[in-house]
Amino acid sequence: MNRGNPSRLAKVQKFWAKKRQKKQYVYKSRQKNAAQKLRINGKFVTNDQAFKILGINKEMLLNNEDVQEMLKVYQMNKMHNEEIQINS
């Protein structure tokens, strides 16, 4: 099987060697900000969207941890209801 030009093969091998050695950067501030954001199904949601999904008012002034826990419970209930419908 013909692999092509040997000089091209050397260049491609050099490219992959450099790519494997490249340092992966991890930004703590981005991780911290992402951990504080509300999610549903792994997607970020705004406070307004979360309140609408949960059917609560903005005036309740819940912190993000409480709202995120409520979103998890909501998602679990939604998945459970879908399983029941499928099995029926």
PDB file of N, CA and C in Angstrom:
ATOM      1  N   MET A   1       0.838  -1.178   0.000  1.00  0.00           N
ATOM      2  CA  MET A   1       0.000   0.000   0.000  1.00  0.00           C
ATOM      3  C   MET A   1       0.887   1.248   0.000  1.00  0.00           C
ATOM      4  N   ASN A   2       0.577   2.179  -0.874  1.00  0.00           N
ATOM      5  CA  ASN A   2       1.368   3.385  -1.014  1.00  0.00           C
ATOM      6  C   ASN A   2       0.947   4.402   0.048  1.00  0.00           C
ATOM      7  N   ARG A   3       1.880   4.831   0.874  1.00  0.00           N
ATOM      8  CA  ARG A   3       1.602   5.786   1.948  1.00  0.00           C
ATOM      9  C   ARG A   3       1.854   7.224   1.526  1.00  0.00           C
ATOM     10  N   GLY A   4       2.261   7.461   0.331  1.00  0.00           N
ATOM     11  CA  GLY A   4       2.479   8.816  -0.139  1.00  0.00           C
ATOM     12  C   GLY A   4       3.929   9.243  -0.018  1.00  0.00           C
ATOM     13  N   ASN A   5       4.128  10.513  -0.114  1.00  0.00           N
ATOM     14  CA  ASN A   5       5.445  11.132  -0.104  1.00  0.00           C
ATOM     15  C   ASN A   5       6.104  10.969   1.273  1.00  0.00           C
ATOM     16  N   PRO A   6       7.354  10.464   1.321  1.00  0.00           N
ATOM     17  CA  PRO A   6       8.042  10.282   2.614  1.00  0.00           C
ATOM     18  C   PRO A   6       8.238  11.596   3.368  1.00  0.00           C
ATOM     19  N   SER A   7       8.471  12.710   2.658  1.00  0.00           N
ATOM     20  CA  SER A   7       8.661  13.990   3.355  1.00  0.00           C
ATOM     21  C   SER A   7       7.340  14.442   3.996  1.00  0.00           C
ATOM     22  N   ARG A   8       6.230  14.156   3.327  1.00  0.00           N
ATOM     23  CA  ARG A   8       4.928  14.492   3.912  1.00  0.00           C
ATOM     24  C   ARG A   8       4.676  13.643   5.151  1.00  0.00           C
ATOM     25  N   LEU A   9       5.016  12.363   5.087  1.00  0.00           N
ATOM     26  CA  LEU A   9       4.853  11.472   6.228  1.00  0.00           C
ATOM     27  C   LEU A   9       5.661  11.979   7.423  1.00  0.00           C
ATOM     28  N   ALA A  10       6.879  12.446   7.161  1.00  0.00           N
ATOM     29  CA  ALA A  10       7.726  12.984   8.236  1.00  0.00           C
ATOM     30  C   ALA A  10       7.089  14.238   8.840  1.00  0.00           C
ATOM     31  N   LYS A  11       6.504  15.076   7.998  1.00  0.00           N
ATOM     32  CA  LYS A  11       5.861  16.295   8.497  1.00  0.00           C
ATOM     33  C   LYS A  11       4.630  15.963   9.340  1.00  0.00           C
ATOM     34  N   VAL A  12       3.864  14.989   8.902  1.00  0.00           N
ATOM     35  CA  VAL A  12       2.667  14.594   9.642  1.00  0.00           C
ATOM     36  C   VAL A  12       3.056  13.987  10.989  1.00  0.00           C
ATOM     37  N   GLN A  13       4.101  13.158  10.989  1.00  0.00           N
ATOM     38  CA  GLN A  13       4.563  12.570  12.246  1.00  0.00           C
ATOM     39  C   GLN A  13       5.063  13.648  13.201  1.00  0.00           C
ATOM     40  N   LYS A  14       5.748  14.656  12.666  1.00  0.00           N
ATOM     41  CA  LYS A  14       6.227  15.765  13.489  1.00  0.00           C
ATOM     42  C   LYS A  14       5.039  16.541  14.068  1.00  0.00           C
ATOM     43  N   PHE A  15       4.020  16.762  13.253  1.00  0.00           N
ATOM     44  CA  PHE A  15       2.818  17.460  13.713  1.00  0.00           C
ATOM     45  C   PHE A  15       2.175  16.721  14.878  1.00  0.00           C
ATOM     46  N   TRP A  16       1.980  15.414  14.736  1.00  0.00           N
ATOM     47  CA  TRP A  16       1.323  14.631  15.798  1.00  0.00           C
ATOM     48  C   TRP A  16       2.186  14.555  17.047  1.00  0.00           C
ATOM     49  N   ALA A  17       3.488  14.497  16.898  1.00  0.00           N
ATOM     50  CA  ALA A  17       4.379  14.482  18.059  1.00  0.00           C
ATOM     51  C   ALA A  17       4.256  15.786  18.838  1.00  0.00           C
ATOM     52  N   LYS A  18       4.214  16.923  18.134  1.00  0.00           N
ATOM     53  CA  LYS A  18       4.065  18.216  18.797  1.00  0.00           C
ATOM     54  C   LYS A  18       2.690  18.336  19.451  1.00  0.00           C
ATOM     55  N   LYS A  19       1.673  17.815  18.778  1.00  0.00           N
ATOM     56  CA  LYS A  19       0.314  17.906  19.307  1.00  0.00           C
ATOM     57  C   LYS A  19       0.181  17.101  20.605  1.00  0.00           C
ATOM     58  N   ARG A  20       0.826  15.942  20.672  1.00  0.00           N
ATOM     59  CA  ARG A  20       0.775  15.118  21.885  1.00  0.00           C
ATOM     60  C   ARG A  20       1.497  15.781  23.051  1.00  0.00           C
ATOM     61  N   GLN A  21       2.561  16.537  22.756  1.00  0.00           N
ATOM     62  CA  GLN A  21       3.343  17.172  23.806  1.00  0.00           C
ATOM     63  C   GLN A  21       2.777  18.519  24.240  1.00  0.00           C
ATOM     64  N   LYS A  22       1.792  19.029  23.534  1.00  0.00           N
ATOM     65  CA  LYS A  22       1.245  20.352  23.827  1.00  0.00           C
ATOM     66  C   LYS A  22       0.584  20.362  25.205  1.00  0.00           C
ATOM     67  N   LYS A  23       0.840  21.397  25.963  1.00  0.00           N
ATOM     68  CA  LYS A  23       0.303  21.500  27.316  1.00  0.00           C
ATOM     69  C   LYS A  23      -1.175  21.873  27.260  1.00  0.00           C
ATOM     70  N   GLN A  24      -1.956  21.189  28.081  1.00  0.00           N
ATOM     71  CA  GLN A  24      -3.372  21.508  28.202  1.00  0.00           C
ATOM     72  C   GLN A  24      -3.532  22.504  29.343  1.00  0.00           C
ATOM     73  N   TYR A  25      -4.157  23.626  29.074  1.00  0.00           N
ATOM     74  CA  TYR A  25      -4.345  24.652  30.086  1.00  0.00           C
ATOM     75  C   TYR A  25      -5.656  24.434  30.810  1.00  0.00           C
ATOM     76  N   VAL A  26      -5.629  24.609  32.111  1.00  0.00           N
ATOM     77  CA  VAL A  26      -6.821  24.502  32.930  1.00  0.00           C
ATOM     78  C   VAL A  26      -6.968  25.823  33.675  1.00  0.00           C
ATOM     79  N   TYR A  27      -8.096  26.464  33.476  1.00  0.00           N
ATOM     80  CA  TYR A  27      -8.340  27.739  34.111  1.00  0.00           C
ATOM     81  C   TYR A  27      -9.273  27.537  35.298  1.00  0.00           C
ATOM     82  N   LYS A  28      -8.753  27.757  36.505  1.00  0.00           N
ATOM     83  CA  LYS A  28      -9.541  27.567  37.729  1.00  0.00           C
ATOM     84  C   LYS A  28     -10.734  28.503  37.765  1.00  0.00           C
ATOM     85  N   SER A  29     -10.574  29.719  37.276  1.00  0.00           N
ATOM     86  CA  SER A  29     -11.680  30.679  37.328  1.00  0.00           C
ATOM     87  C   SER A  29     -12.841  30.228  36.436  1.00  0.00           C
ATOM     88  N   ARG A  30     -12.531  29.636  35.289  1.00  0.00           N
ATOM     89  CA  ARG A  30     -13.602  29.134  34.417  1.00  0.00           C
ATOM     90  C   ARG A  30     -14.321  27.959  35.055  1.00  0.00           C
ATOM     91  N   GLN A  31     -13.549  27.074  35.703  1.00  0.00           N
ATOM     92  CA  GLN A  31     -14.163  25.932  36.386  1.00  0.00           C
ATOM     93  C   GLN A  31     -15.055  26.412  37.517  1.00  0.00           C
ATOM     94  N   LYS A  32     -14.588  27.413  38.259  1.00  0.00           N
ATOM     95  CA  LYS A  32     -15.356  27.947  39.382  1.00  0.00           C
ATOM     96  C   LYS A  32     -16.657  28.577  38.897  1.00  0.00           C
ATOM     97  N   ASN A  33     -16.575  29.371  37.835  1.00  0.00           N
ATOM     98  CA  ASN A  33     -17.777  30.014  37.291  1.00  0.00           C
ATOM     99  C   ASN A  33     -18.758  28.989  36.745  1.00  0.00           C
ATOM    100  N   ALA A  34     -18.265  27.977  36.073  1.00  0.00           N
ATOM    101  CA  ALA A  34     -19.138  26.944  35.510  1.00  0.00           C
ATOM    102  C   ALA A  34     -19.812  26.149  36.619  1.00  0.00           C
ATOM    103  N   ALA A  35     -19.109  25.915  37.712  1.00  0.00           N
ATOM    104  CA  ALA A  35     -19.684  25.152  38.826  1.00  0.00           C
ATOM    105  C   ALA A  35     -20.817  25.913  39.489  1.00  0.00           C
ATOM    106  N   GLN A  36     -20.792  27.232  39.416  1.00  0.00           N
ATOM    107  CA  GLN A  36     -21.822  28.041  40.058  1.00  0.00           C
ATOM    108  C   GLN A  36     -23.058  28.234  39.186  1.00  0.00           C
ATOM    109  N   LYS A  37     -22.957  27.958  37.899  1.00  0.00           N
ATOM    110  CA  LYS A  37     -24.081  28.181  36.995  1.00  0.00           C
ATOM    111  C   LYS A  37     -25.102  27.059  37.102  1.00  0.00           C
ATOM    112  N   LEU A  38     -26.349  27.398  36.842  1.00  0.00           N
ATOM    113  CA  LEU A  38     -27.436  26.424  36.878  1.00  0.00           C
ATOM    114  C   LEU A  38     -27.431  25.610  35.595  1.00  0.00           C
ATOM    115  N   ARG A  39     -27.728  24.320  35.735  1.00  0.00           N
ATOM    116  CA  ARG A  39     -27.751  23.441  34.563  1.00  0.00           C
ATOM    117  C   ARG A  39     -28.979  22.561  34.607  1.00  0.00           C
ATOM    118  N   ILE A  40     -29.443  22.204  33.410  1.00  0.00           N
ATOM    119  CA  ILE A  40     -30.445  21.162  33.260  1.00  0.00           C
ATOM    120  C   ILE A  40     -30.077  20.383  32.013  1.00  0.00           C
ATOM    121  N   ASN A  41     -29.995  19.086  32.136  1.00  0.00           N
ATOM    122  CA  ASN A  41     -29.520  18.204  31.060  1.00  0.00           C
ATOM    123  C   ASN A  41     -28.124  18.594  30.596  1.00  0.00           C
ATOM    124  N   GLY A  42     -27.305  19.105  31.506  1.00  0.00           N
ATOM    125  CA  GLY A  42     -25.945  19.476  31.169  1.00  0.00           C
ATOM    126  C   GLY A  42     -25.818  20.797  30.441  1.00  0.00           C
ATOM    127  N   LYS A  43     -26.920  21.499  30.237  1.00  0.00           N
ATOM    128  CA  LYS A  43     -26.889  22.788  29.549  1.00  0.00           C
ATOM    129  C   LYS A  43     -27.104  23.897  30.571  1.00  0.00           C
ATOM    130  N   PHE A  44     -26.388  24.998  30.390  1.00  0.00           N
ATOM    131  CA  PHE A  44     -26.559  26.127  31.285  1.00  0.00           C
ATOM    132  C   PHE A  44     -27.932  26.753  31.075  1.00  0.00           C
ATOM    133  N   VAL A  45     -28.575  27.157  32.169  1.00  0.00           N
ATOM    134  CA  VAL A  45     -29.841  27.870  32.096  1.00  0.00           C
ATOM    135  C   VAL A  45     -29.735  29.130  32.936  1.00  0.00           C
ATOM    136  N   THR A  46     -30.495  30.142  32.570  1.00  0.00           N
ATOM    137  CA  THR A  46     -30.523  31.379  33.341  1.00  0.00           C
ATOM    138  C   THR A  46     -31.450  31.196  34.531  1.00  0.00           C
ATOM    139  N   ASN A  47     -31.382  32.120  35.467  1.00  0.00           N
ATOM    140  CA  ASN A  47     -32.284  32.067  36.616  1.00  0.00           C
ATOM    141  C   ASN A  47     -33.735  32.136  36.162  1.00  0.00           C
ATOM    142  N   ASP A  48     -34.019  33.003  35.194  1.00  0.00           N
ATOM    143  CA  ASP A  48     -35.393  33.129  34.691  1.00  0.00           C
ATOM    144  C   ASP A  48     -35.891  31.811  34.114  1.00  0.00           C
ATOM    145  N   GLN A  49     -35.053  31.141  33.333  1.00  0.00           N
ATOM    146  CA  GLN A  49     -35.440  29.853  32.751  1.00  0.00           C
ATOM    147  C   GLN A  49     -35.661  28.811  33.844  1.00  0.00           C
ATOM    148  N   ALA A  50     -34.783  28.791  34.840  1.00  0.00           N
ATOM    149  CA  ALA A  50     -34.920  27.824  35.929  1.00  0.00           C
ATOM    150  C   ALA A  50     -36.200  28.073  36.712  1.00  0.00           C
ATOM    151  N   PHE A  51     -36.498  29.329  37.015  1.00  0.00           N
ATOM    152  CA  PHE A  51     -37.722  29.649  37.746  1.00  0.00           C
ATOM    153  C   PHE A  51     -38.952  29.258  36.947  1.00  0.00           C
ATOM    154  N   LYS A  52     -38.906  29.473  35.627  1.00  0.00           N
ATOM    155  CA  LYS A  52     -40.039  29.107  34.779  1.00  0.00           C
ATOM    156  C   LYS A  52     -40.229  27.584  34.759  1.00  0.00           C
ATOM    157  N   ILE A  53     -39.144  26.839  34.634  1.00  0.00           N
ATOM    158  CA  ILE A  53     -39.216  25.377  34.612  1.00  0.00           C
ATOM    159  C   ILE A  53     -39.782  24.847  35.923  1.00  0.00           C
ATOM    160  N   LEU A  54     -39.318  25.427  37.032  1.00  0.00           N
ATOM    161  CA  LEU A  54     -39.733  24.944  38.347  1.00  0.00           C
ATOM    162  C   LEU A  54     -41.064  25.522  38.800  1.00  0.00           C
ATOM    163  N   GLY A  55     -41.535  26.575  38.132  1.00  0.00           N
ATOM    164  CA  GLY A  55     -42.801  27.186  38.497  1.00  0.00           C
ATOM    165  C   GLY A  55     -42.731  27.963  39.797  1.00  0.00           C
ATOM    166  N   ILE A  56     -41.612  28.620  40.049  1.00  0.00           N
ATOM    167  CA  ILE A  56     -41.486  29.430  41.254  1.00  0.00           C
ATOM    168  C   ILE A  56     -41.242  30.878  40.865  1.00  0.00           C
ATOM    169  N   ASN A  57     -41.419  31.777  41.817  1.00  0.00           N
ATOM    170  CA  ASN A  57     -41.255  33.208  41.572  1.00  0.00           C
ATOM    171  C   ASN A  57     -39.834  33.652  41.876  1.00  0.00           C
ATOM    172  N   LYS A  58     -39.446  34.756  41.256  1.00  0.00           N
ATOM    173  CA  LYS A  58     -38.128  35.331  41.520  1.00  0.00           C
ATOM    174  C   LYS A  58     -38.034  35.838  42.959  1.00  0.00           C
ATOM    175  N   GLU A  59     -39.167  36.214  43.531  1.00  0.00           N
ATOM    176  CA  GLU A  59     -39.181  36.790  44.863  1.00  0.00           C
ATOM    177  C   GLU A  59     -38.755  35.790  45.940  1.00  0.00           C
ATOM    178  N   MET A  60     -38.738  34.510  45.624  1.00  0.00           N
ATOM    179  CA  MET A  60     -38.361  33.511  46.615  1.00  0.00           C
ATOM    180  C   MET A  60     -36.878  33.597  46.974  1.00  0.00           C
ATOM    181  N   LEU A  61     -36.071  34.214  46.111  1.00  0.00           N
ATOM    182  CA  LEU A  61     -34.651  34.455  46.356  1.00  0.00           C
ATOM    183  C   LEU A  61     -33.914  33.238  46.919  1.00  0.00           C
ATOM    184  N   LEU A  62     -33.929  32.185  46.159  1.00  0.00           N
ATOM    185  CA  LEU A  62     -33.192  30.981  46.537  1.00  0.00           C
ATOM    186  C   LEU A  62     -31.764  31.097  46.026  1.00  0.00           C
ATOM    187  N   ASN A  63     -30.818  30.481  46.727  1.00  0.00           N
ATOM    188  CA  ASN A  63     -29.455  30.496  46.215  1.00  0.00           C
ATOM    189  C   ASN A  63     -29.327  29.446  45.110  1.00  0.00           C
ATOM    190  N   ASN A  64     -28.237  29.518  44.364  1.00  0.00           N
ATOM    191  CA  ASN A  64     -28.052  28.646  43.202  1.00  0.00           C
ATOM    192  C   ASN A  64     -28.022  27.167  43.564  1.00  0.00           C
ATOM    193  N   GLU A  65     -27.456  26.825  44.735  1.00  0.00           N
ATOM    194  CA  GLU A  65     -27.384  25.420  45.123  1.00  0.00           C
ATOM    195  C   GLU A  65     -28.780  24.826  45.308  1.00  0.00           C
ATOM    196  N   ASP A  66     -29.677  25.597  45.934  1.00  0.00           N
ATOM    197  CA  ASP A  66     -31.039  25.116  46.148  1.00  0.00           C
ATOM    198  C   ASP A  66     -31.784  24.960  44.826  1.00  0.00           C
ATOM    199  N   VAL A  67     -31.618  25.941  43.950  1.00  0.00           N
ATOM    200  CA  VAL A  67     -32.285  25.884  42.648  1.00  0.00           C
ATOM    201  C   VAL A  67     -31.743  24.718  41.836  1.00  0.00           C
ATOM    202  N   GLN A  68     -30.414  24.500  41.876  1.00  0.00           N
ATOM    203  CA  GLN A  68     -29.823  23.388  41.131  1.00  0.00           C
ATOM    204  C   GLN A  68     -30.342  22.059  41.650  1.00  0.00           C
ATOM    205  N   GLU A  69     -30.481  21.925  42.953  1.00  0.00           N
ATOM    206  CA  GLU A  69     -31.021  20.691  43.527  1.00  0.00           C
ATOM    207  C   GLU A  69     -32.466  20.479  43.076  1.00  0.00           C
ATOM    208  N   MET A  70     -33.240  21.551  43.038  1.00  0.00           N
ATOM    209  CA  MET A  70     -34.627  21.454  42.570  1.00  0.00           C
ATOM    210  C   MET A  70     -34.672  21.041  41.102  1.00  0.00           C
ATOM    211  N   LEU A  71     -33.734  21.560  40.299  1.00  0.00           N
ATOM    212  CA  LEU A  71     -33.673  21.197  38.881  1.00  0.00           C
ATOM    213  C   LEU A  71     -33.327  19.716  38.720  1.00  0.00           C
ATOM    214  N   LYS A  72     -32.434  19.200  39.558  1.00  0.00           N
ATOM    215  CA  LYS A  72     -32.088  17.777  39.492  1.00  0.00           C
ATOM    216  C   LYS A  72     -33.298  16.907  39.808  1.00  0.00           C
ATOM    217  N   VAL A  73     -34.037  17.296  40.853  1.00  0.00           N
ATOM    218  CA  VAL A  73     -35.231  16.536  41.228  1.00  0.00           C
ATOM    219  C   VAL A  73     -36.255  16.595  40.106  1.00  0.00           C
ATOM    220  N   TYR A  74     -36.431  17.770  39.515  1.00  0.00           N
ATOM    221  CA  TYR A  74     -37.359  17.939  38.398  1.00  0.00           C
ATOM    222  C   TYR A  74     -36.970  17.022  37.242  1.00  0.00           C
ATOM    223  N   GLN A  75     -35.668  16.986  36.914  1.00  0.00           N
ATOM    224  CA  GLN A  75     -35.200  16.166  35.796  1.00  0.00           C
ATOM    225  C   GLN A  75     -35.405  14.687  36.082  1.00  0.00           C
ATOM    226  N   MET A  76     -35.128  14.256  37.322  1.00  0.00           N
ATOM    227  CA  MET A  76     -35.327  12.851  37.687  1.00  0.00           C
ATOM    228  C   MET A  76     -36.803  12.466  37.565  1.00  0.00           C
ATOM    229  N   ASN A  77     -37.697  13.335  38.034  1.00  0.00           N
ATOM    230  CA  ASN A  77     -39.131  13.067  37.925  1.00  0.00           C
ATOM    231  C   ASN A  77     -39.575  13.002  36.473  1.00  0.00           C
ATOM    232  N   LYS A  78     -39.039  13.890  35.660  1.00  0.00           N
ATOM    233  CA  LYS A  78     -39.390  13.920  34.243  1.00  0.00           C
ATOM    234  C   LYS A  78     -38.947  12.623  33.555  1.00  0.00           C
ATOM    235  N   MET A  79     -37.729  12.163  33.854  1.00  0.00           N
ATOM    236  CA  MET A  79     -37.234  10.927  33.258  1.00  0.00           C
ATOM    237  C   MET A  79     -38.051   9.736  33.735  1.00  0.00           C
ATOM    238  N   HIS A  80     -38.433   9.729  35.019  1.00  0.00           N
ATOM    239  CA  HIS A  80     -39.232   8.640  35.573  1.00  0.00           C
ATOM    240  C   HIS A  80     -40.603   8.583  34.896  1.00  0.00           C
ATOM    241  N   ASN A  81     -41.220   9.740  34.689  1.00  0.00           N
ATOM    242  CA  ASN A  81     -42.527   9.796  34.032  1.00  0.00           C
ATOM    243  C   ASN A  81     -42.456   9.302  32.584  1.00  0.00           C
ATOM    244  N   GLU A  82     -41.343   9.626  31.898  1.00  0.00           N
ATOM    245  CA  GLU A  82     -41.181   9.182  30.511  1.00  0.00           C
ATOM    246  C   GLU A  82     -41.023   7.662  30.465  1.00  0.00           C
ATOM    247  N   GLU A  83     -40.322   7.082  31.441  1.00  0.00           N
ATOM    248  CA  GLU A  83     -40.164   5.625  31.502  1.00  0.00           C
ATOM    249  C   GLU A  83     -41.508   4.953  31.711  1.00  0.00           C
ATOM    250  N   ILE A  84     -42.331   5.514  32.568  1.00  0.00           N
ATOM    251  CA  ILE A  84     -43.652   4.954  32.826  1.00  0.00           C
ATOM    252  C   ILE A  84     -44.505   4.961  31.567  1.00  0.00           C
ATOM    253  N   GLN A  85     -44.441   6.084  30.808  1.00  0.00           N
ATOM    254  CA  GLN A  85     -45.219   6.189  29.571  1.00  0.00           C
ATOM    255  C   GLN A  85     -44.738   5.178  28.543  1.00  0.00           C
ATOM    256  N   ILE A  86     -43.438   4.957  28.465  1.00  0.00           N
ATOM    257  CA  ILE A  86     -42.890   4.019  27.494  1.00  0.00           C
ATOM    258  C   ILE A  86     -43.304   2.593  27.855  1.00  0.00           C
ATOM    259  N   ASN A  87     -43.267   2.269  29.123  1.00  0.00           N
ATOM    260  CA  ASN A  87     -43.582   0.916  29.566  1.00  0.00           C
ATOM    261  C   ASN A  87     -45.079   0.619  29.540  1.00  0.00           C
ATOM    262  N   SER A  88     -45.917   1.649  29.462  1.00  0.00           N
ATOM    263  CA  SER A  88     -47.377   1.459  29.456  1.00  0.00           C
ATOM    264  C   SER A  88     -47.874   0.992  28.120  1.00  0.00           C
TER     265      SER A  88
END
